[in-house]
Each structure stands twice: as structure tokens, then as C-alpha cells.
N, C-alpha and C. Protein backbone atom coordinates (compact mmCIF):
# COMPACT_ATOMS: atom_id res chain seq x y z
N MET A 1 -19.86 -18.70 -0.63
CA MET A 1 -18.65 -17.79 0.37
C MET A 1 -19.57 -16.67 0.42
N SER A 2 -19.48 -16.19 1.78
CA SER A 2 -20.06 -14.98 1.67
C SER A 2 -19.31 -13.94 1.54
N ASP A 3 -19.49 -12.48 1.61
CA ASP A 3 -18.57 -11.18 1.52
C ASP A 3 -18.17 -11.15 2.91
N PRO A 4 -16.67 -10.48 2.53
CA PRO A 4 -16.12 -10.50 3.83
C PRO A 4 -16.99 -9.25 4.74
N ASP A 5 -16.76 -9.17 6.12
CA ASP A 5 -16.95 -8.34 6.95
C ASP A 5 -16.10 -7.05 6.95
N PHE A 6 -16.31 -5.88 6.55
CA PHE A 6 -15.27 -4.88 6.88
C PHE A 6 -15.63 -3.68 7.94
N SER A 7 -16.46 -4.30 8.78
CA SER A 7 -17.18 -3.25 9.88
C SER A 7 -15.79 -2.83 10.97
N ALA A 8 -15.15 -4.25 11.12
CA ALA A 8 -13.91 -3.41 12.12
C ALA A 8 -12.40 -3.70 11.29
N ASN A 9 -11.65 -2.70 10.90
CA ASN A 9 -10.86 -2.86 9.85
C ASN A 9 -9.44 -3.30 10.62
N ASN A 10 -8.79 -4.43 10.72
CA ASN A 10 -7.86 -5.14 11.35
C ASN A 10 -7.11 -4.90 10.62
N CYS A 11 -6.95 -4.56 9.02
CA CYS A 11 -5.71 -4.48 8.41
C CYS A 11 -4.66 -4.14 8.89
N PHE A 12 -3.39 -4.98 8.77
CA PHE A 12 -2.05 -4.82 9.44
C PHE A 12 -1.74 -3.26 9.16
N VAL A 13 -1.69 -2.80 7.56
CA VAL A 13 -1.19 -1.66 7.26
C VAL A 13 -1.93 -0.44 7.51
N CYS A 14 -3.38 -0.60 7.11
CA CYS A 14 -4.09 0.84 7.46
C CYS A 14 -5.56 0.74 8.33
N GLY A 15 -5.54 -0.65 9.32
CA GLY A 15 -6.57 -0.89 10.14
C GLY A 15 -6.43 -0.15 11.61
N PRO A 16 -7.03 0.75 11.49
CA PRO A 16 -7.06 1.30 13.13
C PRO A 16 -7.43 0.21 14.18
N ASP A 17 -8.22 -0.65 14.00
CA ASP A 17 -8.32 -1.70 15.26
C ASP A 17 -7.31 -2.87 15.59
N ASN A 18 -5.96 -2.76 14.96
CA ASN A 18 -4.83 -3.73 14.91
C ASN A 18 -3.57 -2.90 15.76
N PRO A 19 -3.76 -3.63 16.86
CA PRO A 19 -3.03 -2.90 17.62
C PRO A 19 -1.35 -3.00 17.55
N ILE A 20 -0.95 -3.78 16.63
CA ILE A 20 0.17 -3.82 16.14
C ILE A 20 0.80 -3.38 14.58
N GLY A 21 -0.45 -2.96 14.10
CA GLY A 21 -0.27 -2.47 12.68
C GLY A 21 0.41 -1.25 12.56
N LEU A 22 0.48 -0.75 11.41
CA LEU A 22 0.98 0.66 11.15
C LEU A 22 0.38 1.77 10.98
N LYS A 23 -1.30 1.45 11.10
CA LYS A 23 -2.07 2.63 11.23
C LYS A 23 -2.11 3.75 10.28
N ILE A 24 -1.40 3.22 8.90
CA ILE A 24 -1.65 4.56 8.10
C ILE A 24 -2.88 4.82 7.36
N SER A 25 -2.98 6.32 7.45
CA SER A 25 -3.93 6.85 6.73
C SER A 25 -4.12 6.81 5.17
N PHE A 26 -4.96 6.57 4.77
CA PHE A 26 -4.98 6.96 2.90
C PHE A 26 -6.09 7.94 2.63
N HIS A 27 -5.86 8.57 1.71
CA HIS A 27 -6.83 9.63 1.32
C HIS A 27 -6.31 9.90 -0.72
N MET A 28 -7.60 10.05 -1.12
CA MET A 28 -7.27 10.55 -2.31
C MET A 28 -7.07 11.82 -2.64
N ASP A 29 -6.27 12.15 -3.88
CA ASP A 29 -5.81 13.48 -3.99
C ASP A 29 -5.65 13.49 -5.72
N ASP A 30 -6.62 14.37 -6.47
CA ASP A 30 -6.45 14.08 -7.76
C ASP A 30 -6.05 12.55 -8.51
N ASN A 31 -7.12 11.47 -8.34
CA ASN A 31 -7.32 10.63 -8.55
C ASN A 31 -5.71 9.27 -7.99
N VAL A 32 -4.96 9.79 -7.35
CA VAL A 32 -4.00 9.46 -6.97
C VAL A 32 -4.23 9.24 -5.32
N CYS A 33 -3.83 7.94 -4.63
CA CYS A 33 -4.31 7.59 -3.17
C CYS A 33 -2.78 7.62 -2.71
N ARG A 34 -2.98 8.44 -1.79
CA ARG A 34 -1.72 9.02 -0.78
C ARG A 34 -1.71 8.49 0.39
N GLY A 35 -0.85 8.20 1.21
CA GLY A 35 -0.15 8.37 2.30
C GLY A 35 0.94 8.26 2.72
N SER A 36 1.63 8.40 3.72
CA SER A 36 3.00 8.29 4.52
C SER A 36 3.11 7.65 5.41
N PHE A 37 4.45 7.40 5.92
CA PHE A 37 4.87 6.29 6.91
C PHE A 37 6.47 6.57 7.14
N THR A 38 6.60 6.60 8.37
CA THR A 38 7.93 6.29 9.10
C THR A 38 8.34 5.35 9.51
N PRO A 39 9.08 4.22 8.97
CA PRO A 39 9.55 2.97 9.85
C PRO A 39 10.25 3.12 10.93
N LEU A 40 9.93 2.42 11.85
CA LEU A 40 10.69 2.57 13.42
C LEU A 40 11.50 1.14 13.48
N GLU A 41 12.44 1.00 14.53
CA GLU A 41 13.31 -0.12 14.68
C GLU A 41 12.26 -1.47 14.94
N ASN A 42 11.18 -1.68 15.23
CA ASN A 42 10.42 -2.95 14.62
C ASN A 42 10.29 -3.19 13.65
N HIS A 43 10.47 -2.51 12.46
CA HIS A 43 10.06 -2.97 10.95
C HIS A 43 11.46 -2.97 10.48
N MET A 44 12.34 -3.26 11.21
CA MET A 44 14.23 -3.64 10.34
C MET A 44 13.99 -4.96 10.11
N GLY A 45 14.72 -5.13 9.03
CA GLY A 45 15.36 -6.52 8.34
C GLY A 45 16.84 -6.24 8.97
N TYR A 46 17.50 -6.00 7.93
CA TYR A 46 18.90 -5.64 8.31
C TYR A 46 19.22 -4.80 9.21
N LYS A 47 20.20 -4.37 9.66
CA LYS A 47 20.38 -3.53 10.69
C LYS A 47 20.11 -2.01 9.82
N ASN A 48 19.51 -1.33 10.35
CA ASN A 48 18.87 0.05 10.33
C ASN A 48 18.10 0.31 9.00
N ILE A 49 17.75 -0.83 8.38
CA ILE A 49 17.12 -0.83 6.91
C ILE A 49 15.90 -1.68 7.31
N THR A 50 14.69 -0.76 6.69
CA THR A 50 13.47 -1.38 6.83
C THR A 50 13.41 -2.65 6.00
N HIS A 51 12.76 -3.56 6.60
CA HIS A 51 12.26 -4.93 6.14
C HIS A 51 11.65 -4.90 4.54
N GLY A 52 11.83 -5.60 3.92
CA GLY A 52 11.46 -5.67 2.32
C GLY A 52 9.94 -6.00 2.61
N GLY A 53 9.60 -6.64 3.22
CA GLY A 53 8.05 -7.26 3.32
C GLY A 53 7.37 -5.93 3.96
N ILE A 54 7.62 -5.15 4.52
CA ILE A 54 7.09 -3.80 5.18
C ILE A 54 7.12 -2.86 3.88
N VAL A 55 7.77 -3.02 3.31
CA VAL A 55 7.68 -1.97 1.62
C VAL A 55 6.91 -2.56 0.77
N PHE A 56 6.93 -3.80 0.74
CA PHE A 56 5.81 -4.34 -0.07
C PHE A 56 4.61 -3.96 0.37
N SER A 57 4.02 -4.47 1.69
CA SER A 57 2.84 -4.38 1.99
C SER A 57 2.49 -2.65 2.14
N LEU A 58 3.27 -1.79 1.77
CA LEU A 58 3.07 -0.32 1.69
C LEU A 58 2.66 -0.17 0.50
N LEU A 59 3.29 -0.89 -0.65
CA LEU A 59 2.85 -0.93 -1.71
C LEU A 59 1.43 -1.30 -2.31
N ASP A 60 1.66 -2.81 -1.81
CA ASP A 60 0.21 -3.35 -1.94
C ASP A 60 -0.98 -2.53 -1.35
N ASP A 61 -0.71 -1.94 -0.07
CA ASP A 61 -2.03 -1.23 0.45
C ASP A 61 -2.37 -0.07 -0.14
N VAL A 62 -1.23 0.59 -0.61
CA VAL A 62 -1.91 1.85 -1.40
C VAL A 62 -2.42 2.00 -2.76
N MET A 63 -2.23 0.70 -3.20
CA MET A 63 -3.06 0.44 -4.40
C MET A 63 -4.64 -0.24 -4.12
N ALA A 64 -4.40 -0.98 -3.14
CA ALA A 64 -5.74 -1.51 -2.85
C ALA A 64 -6.46 -0.45 -2.16
N ASN A 65 -6.00 0.53 -1.39
CA ASN A 65 -6.89 1.47 -0.93
C ASN A 65 -7.23 2.51 -2.02
N TRP A 66 -6.62 2.66 -3.23
CA TRP A 66 -7.20 3.17 -4.34
C TRP A 66 -8.51 2.85 -4.80
N LEU A 67 -8.80 1.37 -4.79
CA LEU A 67 -10.08 0.99 -4.94
C LEU A 67 -10.79 1.02 -3.60
N PHE A 68 -10.47 0.70 -2.39
CA PHE A 68 -11.42 0.84 -1.20
C PHE A 68 -12.08 2.20 -0.87
N LEU A 69 -11.28 3.18 -1.54
CA LEU A 69 -11.64 4.70 -1.09
C LEU A 69 -12.54 4.97 -2.18
N GLN A 70 -12.94 3.99 -3.22
CA GLN A 70 -13.94 4.14 -4.28
C GLN A 70 -15.19 3.21 -3.75
N ASN A 71 -15.13 2.73 -2.61
CA ASN A 71 -16.06 1.67 -2.40
C ASN A 71 -16.06 0.30 -3.05
N LYS A 72 -14.89 -0.05 -3.72
CA LYS A 72 -14.44 -1.26 -3.96
C LYS A 72 -13.65 -2.17 -3.29
N VAL A 73 -14.00 -3.29 -3.28
CA VAL A 73 -12.90 -4.25 -2.59
C VAL A 73 -12.47 -5.31 -3.61
N ALA A 74 -11.08 -5.45 -3.27
CA ALA A 74 -10.42 -6.02 -4.35
C ALA A 74 -9.41 -6.73 -3.38
N GLN A 75 -8.74 -7.79 -4.18
CA GLN A 75 -7.53 -8.50 -3.74
C GLN A 75 -6.54 -8.57 -4.64
N THR A 76 -5.28 -8.78 -4.53
CA THR A 76 -4.34 -8.39 -4.76
C THR A 76 -4.16 -9.84 -5.80
N ALA A 77 -3.85 -10.07 -7.06
CA ALA A 77 -3.95 -11.17 -7.95
C ALA A 77 -2.76 -11.39 -8.53
N GLN A 78 -1.70 -10.58 -8.94
CA GLN A 78 -0.73 -10.62 -9.30
C GLN A 78 0.37 -9.30 -8.90
N CYS A 79 1.62 -9.25 -8.68
CA CYS A 79 2.59 -8.22 -8.59
C CYS A 79 3.99 -8.27 -8.99
N ASP A 80 3.96 -7.44 -9.55
CA ASP A 80 5.39 -7.35 -9.89
C ASP A 80 6.40 -5.94 -9.33
N LEU A 81 7.02 -6.41 -8.29
CA LEU A 81 7.84 -5.40 -7.13
C LEU A 81 9.10 -5.08 -7.98
N ARG A 82 9.69 -3.94 -7.68
CA ARG A 82 10.89 -3.39 -8.23
C ARG A 82 11.43 -2.62 -6.73
N TYR A 83 12.45 -2.93 -6.04
CA TYR A 83 13.02 -2.55 -5.08
C TYR A 83 14.35 -1.76 -5.54
N ARG A 84 14.26 -0.18 -5.70
CA ARG A 84 15.13 0.74 -6.15
C ARG A 84 16.35 1.13 -5.31
N LYS A 85 15.91 1.32 -3.76
CA LYS A 85 16.96 1.45 -2.92
C LYS A 85 16.50 1.10 -1.50
N PRO A 86 17.41 0.71 -0.66
CA PRO A 86 17.07 0.99 0.70
C PRO A 86 16.23 1.68 1.37
N LEU A 87 15.52 1.25 2.33
CA LEU A 87 14.49 2.53 3.02
C LEU A 87 15.41 2.44 4.33
N PRO A 88 16.07 3.50 4.79
CA PRO A 88 16.72 3.52 6.34
C PRO A 88 15.22 3.64 7.15
N ILE A 89 15.71 3.28 8.39
CA ILE A 89 14.56 3.35 9.56
C ILE A 89 14.93 4.74 9.99
N ARG A 90 13.47 5.00 10.28
CA ARG A 90 13.22 6.51 10.71
C ARG A 90 12.93 7.55 9.74
N THR A 91 13.20 7.19 8.59
CA THR A 91 13.05 7.92 7.35
C THR A 91 11.53 7.87 6.78
N LYS A 92 10.89 9.05 6.68
CA LYS A 92 9.70 9.35 6.14
C LYS A 92 9.68 8.82 4.54
N VAL A 93 8.46 8.35 4.34
CA VAL A 93 8.45 8.19 3.01
C VAL A 93 6.95 8.60 2.78
N ASN A 94 6.84 8.85 1.39
CA ASN A 94 5.10 9.13 0.73
C ASN A 94 4.69 7.85 -0.21
N LEU A 95 3.58 7.48 -0.07
CA LEU A 95 3.03 6.18 -0.95
C LEU A 95 2.34 7.01 -1.96
N GLU A 96 2.20 6.48 -3.07
CA GLU A 96 1.36 6.66 -3.92
C GLU A 96 0.79 5.40 -4.97
N GLY A 97 -0.32 5.74 -4.76
CA GLY A 97 -1.04 4.39 -5.87
C GLY A 97 -2.04 5.10 -6.80
N ARG A 98 -2.21 4.47 -8.27
CA ARG A 98 -2.79 5.08 -9.24
C ARG A 98 -3.56 3.76 -9.85
N CYS A 99 -4.47 4.02 -10.60
CA CYS A 99 -5.03 3.05 -11.62
C CYS A 99 -4.37 3.38 -13.07
N ILE A 100 -3.95 2.15 -13.69
CA ILE A 100 -3.68 2.48 -14.85
C ILE A 100 -5.07 1.98 -15.94
N LYS A 101 -5.45 0.98 -15.76
CA LYS A 101 -6.60 0.43 -16.58
C LYS A 101 -7.33 -0.52 -15.60
N GLN A 102 -8.89 -0.60 -16.25
CA GLN A 102 -9.56 -1.33 -15.99
C GLN A 102 -10.11 -2.31 -16.87
N LYS A 103 -10.11 -3.57 -16.69
CA LYS A 103 -10.59 -4.42 -17.62
C LYS A 103 -11.55 -5.49 -17.06
N GLY A 104 -12.85 -5.60 -17.09
CA GLY A 104 -13.63 -6.22 -16.24
C GLY A 104 -13.50 -6.42 -14.84
N LYS A 105 -13.30 -7.21 -14.27
CA LYS A 105 -13.17 -7.81 -12.88
C LYS A 105 -11.45 -7.45 -12.55
N VAL A 106 -10.76 -7.02 -13.15
CA VAL A 106 -9.32 -6.78 -13.01
C VAL A 106 -8.85 -5.51 -13.21
N THR A 107 -7.99 -4.77 -12.21
CA THR A 107 -7.58 -3.40 -12.35
C THR A 107 -6.23 -3.53 -12.19
N PHE A 108 -5.84 -2.48 -13.08
CA PHE A 108 -4.31 -2.61 -13.36
C PHE A 108 -3.61 -1.60 -12.39
N MET A 109 -2.94 -1.57 -11.71
CA MET A 109 -2.64 -0.42 -10.53
C MET A 109 -0.74 -0.36 -10.59
N HIS A 110 -0.68 0.86 -10.14
CA HIS A 110 1.04 1.12 -10.15
C HIS A 110 1.05 1.91 -8.53
N GLY A 111 2.09 1.72 -7.84
CA GLY A 111 2.39 2.19 -6.35
C GLY A 111 3.80 2.00 -6.57
N LYS A 112 4.25 3.37 -5.69
CA LYS A 112 5.25 3.87 -5.44
C LYS A 112 5.44 4.14 -4.02
N VAL A 113 7.08 4.04 -3.51
CA VAL A 113 7.29 4.35 -2.15
C VAL A 113 8.20 5.52 -2.59
N ILE A 114 8.36 6.63 -2.25
CA ILE A 114 8.95 7.68 -2.54
C ILE A 114 9.78 8.47 -0.78
N LEU A 115 10.87 8.47 -1.21
CA LEU A 115 11.55 9.22 0.15
C LEU A 115 11.03 10.78 0.30
N ASP A 116 10.23 11.15 1.38
CA ASP A 116 9.88 12.67 1.60
C ASP A 116 10.83 13.78 1.14
N ALA A 117 12.09 13.36 2.16
CA ALA A 117 12.97 14.57 1.82
C ALA A 117 13.67 14.82 0.48
N THR A 118 13.88 13.85 -0.35
CA THR A 118 14.75 14.00 -1.47
C THR A 118 13.71 13.73 -2.87
N GLY A 119 12.81 12.93 -2.76
CA GLY A 119 11.80 12.53 -4.08
C GLY A 119 12.46 11.14 -4.45
N ASP A 120 13.31 10.64 -3.96
CA ASP A 120 14.02 9.34 -4.46
C ASP A 120 13.17 8.37 -4.26
N LEU A 121 12.85 7.34 -5.36
CA LEU A 121 12.26 6.48 -5.70
C LEU A 121 12.92 4.99 -4.66
N ILE A 122 12.10 4.49 -3.86
CA ILE A 122 12.73 3.34 -2.74
C ILE A 122 12.08 2.27 -3.56
N ALA A 123 10.73 2.01 -4.25
CA ALA A 123 10.20 0.76 -4.68
C ALA A 123 8.97 1.43 -5.24
N GLU A 124 8.67 0.23 -6.33
CA GLU A 124 7.66 0.61 -7.15
C GLU A 124 6.90 -0.73 -7.52
N SER A 125 5.67 -0.79 -7.57
CA SER A 125 4.98 -2.11 -8.14
C SER A 125 3.83 -2.01 -9.20
N HIS A 126 3.76 -2.69 -10.07
CA HIS A 126 3.03 -3.10 -10.94
C HIS A 126 2.03 -4.24 -10.34
N ALA A 127 0.60 -3.93 -10.50
CA ALA A 127 -0.02 -5.38 -9.91
C ALA A 127 -1.74 -5.49 -10.57
N LYS A 128 -1.89 -6.44 -10.55
CA LYS A 128 -3.17 -6.80 -10.80
C LYS A 128 -4.12 -6.81 -9.71
N PHE A 129 -5.30 -6.41 -9.75
CA PHE A 129 -6.03 -6.68 -8.34
C PHE A 129 -7.49 -7.33 -8.99
N MET A 130 -7.94 -8.13 -8.08
CA MET A 130 -9.40 -8.88 -8.72
C MET A 130 -10.48 -8.22 -7.89
N LEU A 131 -11.63 -7.48 -8.63
CA LEU A 131 -12.43 -7.00 -7.66
C LEU A 131 -13.59 -8.12 -7.02
N ILE A 132 -13.66 -8.01 -6.02
CA ILE A 132 -14.53 -9.04 -5.26
C ILE A 132 -15.83 -8.49 -5.00
N SER A 133 -15.96 -7.14 -4.70
CA SER A 133 -17.61 -6.62 -4.59
C SER A 133 -17.57 -4.97 -4.30
N ASN A 134 -18.40 -4.56 -4.19
CA ASN A 134 -18.60 -3.32 -3.91
C ASN A 134 -19.00 -2.92 -2.50
N LEU A 135 -18.91 -1.98 -1.76
CA LEU A 135 -18.92 -1.93 -0.33
C LEU A 135 -20.47 -1.48 -0.34
């Protein structure tokens, strides 16, 4: 199997080339990967509440981008997700991803979705990522 081609980033969450994507821009800040997002009506599950799959996607990508921004390509191997509060649409959240530890090709990560206005925790995840390659 050949290495994946990352030259045209069509990722649903962070890809600038995906016409229906979330287009979140991630950056590193003091060894924390950060981004922000405001869900709209087309991200809804129940009435006026962001779909849980969108919330999971935010967490998955902020953790994966911690690795990507350090020129490492990895895939989610395992994820433990905890939804703490519903996320109303049109409500800005901040995203945080941190590396807990690395052991061989496995990286243990922690991600958070936090309400911008109050600092309340919407959801968090502990996950394992399998390193595929370096860019």
C-alpha cells in the first residue's frame, strides 16, 4: 500500500478544498492544537442542537491536527468520547487537542470542545492515534 496523497486537502473538517466541509483552521499554541467553530443550521441533529457526529468530528480532527502540524500522519485507532452538554447551533466553540504520551507508533491524545462565551465543557475525548508516516 502506498502512502496517502495529502497534496489536495479535502478533509471534511479542516480541508480548504472540500466544498461542504467545515473549513476549520488549526494552529499550535504552547503545545496545544487550537481551532474554533460555530455550527449552523445544516449541522443540526435535534432541533437547534448540533449533531453529535459533528461534535465528534471536531474532537477527532483537533487531536489529529496536533500530529499533522508536526508533520506526522496518523489515523484514529480508538476513541472514548464523553458528551457533557448539548451544543446549540450558532454558538461558537473553541477546540483544544493535546498529546498525553507517545509509545512506539501509538499517540495518546486528549481533545476538548469548549463554549467560547462561558468556558463550559461541551464534550471531550481520549483517543489513541496510530502513526502512519511522517510528511
